[in-house]
Structure formats: structure tokens, C-alpha cells
Amino acid sequence: MGGLRGTDDRGGEELLAPGAVGPAVVELQRLLAALELYAGPIDGELAAATLDAVRSLQRQLGAPEID
């Protein structure tokens, strides 16, 4: 299964997989919202709406989509 890379509380990288929760997901949601790709709650939960927004960004950038 694919995933997204985020930054953990210590400044290191972490893999964000569907169902992940925490501050790295909050950061991702805020970035996606700033790009007007995500209109859901900033709740720190990597659920369907956040994943859809990530896929939209990947399509716009011509990047391979996550699984």
C-alpha cells in the first residue's frame, strides 16, 4: 500500500497511510485547504476526503497517484 511522507514531531519524516492521525495530517490538510483542494475539517485524520484532495494535487502536478 502506498502512503504520503510527512514530518513527525521531531522534524523527521514519517509515512502517512490512510487512517493516520496526528499533527502531520493537520499540516497536510491545511496545505491542501490553502491550495483550495480540501474543504473538509482540519481534524488530523487521513480519511477519504483528504486522500481525494491529495489525488487531485497529484493529478495537477502530473505525479503518480497513491494507492
Protein backbone atom coordinates (compact mmCIF):
# COMPACT_ATOMS: atom_id res chain seq x y z
CA MET A 1 0.00 0.00 0.00
CA GLY A 2 1.25 3.49 -0.82
CA GLY A 3 1.48 6.39 1.50
CA LEU A 4 2.46 10.01 1.87
CA ARG A 5 5.52 11.42 3.52
CA GLY A 6 5.04 13.93 6.33
CA THR A 7 7.10 15.41 9.12
CA ASP A 8 6.85 13.99 12.60
CA ASP A 9 7.02 15.99 15.85
CA ARG A 10 10.80 15.63 15.95
CA GLY A 11 11.36 17.06 12.46
CA GLY A 12 11.95 13.66 10.85
CA GLU A 13 9.95 12.08 8.07
CA GLU A 14 7.07 9.72 8.62
CA LEU A 15 4.92 7.79 6.18
CA LEU A 16 1.29 8.82 6.24
CA ALA A 17 -1.01 5.98 5.31
CA PRO A 18 -4.80 6.02 5.09
CA GLY A 19 -6.19 6.13 8.61
CA ALA A 20 -3.18 8.01 10.00
CA VAL A 21 -3.91 10.68 12.61
CA GLY A 22 -1.88 13.48 14.12
CA PRO A 23 -0.18 16.80 13.56
CA ALA A 24 1.42 15.81 10.24
CA VAL A 25 -2.06 15.17 8.84
CA VAL A 26 -3.26 18.54 10.20
CA GLU A 27 -0.36 20.19 8.35
CA LEU A 28 -1.26 18.31 5.16
CA GLN A 29 -4.93 19.30 5.44
CA ARG A 30 -4.00 22.96 5.97
CA LEU A 31 -1.74 22.93 2.92
CA LEU A 32 -4.40 21.27 0.77
CA ALA A 33 -7.00 23.77 2.03
CA ALA A 34 -4.69 26.69 1.17
CA LEU A 35 -4.48 25.27 -2.35
CA GLU A 36 -8.31 25.10 -2.41
CA LEU A 37 -8.21 21.34 -2.88
CA TYR A 38 -9.64 20.40 0.53
CA ALA A 39 -12.74 21.87 2.16
CA GLY A 40 -13.22 19.34 4.93
CA PRO A 41 -12.50 19.68 8.63
CA ILE A 42 -8.92 20.18 9.79
CA ASP A 43 -9.15 17.25 12.17
CA GLY A 44 -5.83 15.47 11.73
CA GLU A 45 -7.45 12.34 10.30
CA LEU A 46 -6.24 10.99 6.94
CA ALA A 47 -9.63 9.87 5.66
CA ALA A 48 -11.30 9.74 2.23
CA ALA A 49 -11.75 13.50 1.70
CA THR A 50 -8.09 14.22 2.47
CA LEU A 51 -6.94 11.38 0.21
CA ASP A 52 -9.16 12.68 -2.60
CA ALA A 53 -7.54 16.10 -2.25
CA VAL A 54 -4.07 14.55 -2.37
CA ARG A 55 -5.00 12.65 -5.53
CA SER A 56 -6.29 15.89 -7.09
CA LEU A 57 -2.98 17.59 -6.34
CA GLN A 58 -1.05 14.66 -7.77
CA ARG A 59 -3.10 14.82 -10.98
CA GLN A 60 -2.46 18.57 -11.27
CA LEU A 61 1.27 18.02 -10.82
CA GLY A 62 1.37 15.04 -13.18
CA ALA A 63 2.69 12.86 -10.36
CA PRO A 64 1.83 9.17 -9.94
CA GLU A 65 -1.21 8.73 -7.71
CA ILE A 66 -1.03 6.97 -4.37
CA ASP A 67 -2.66 3.56 -3.98
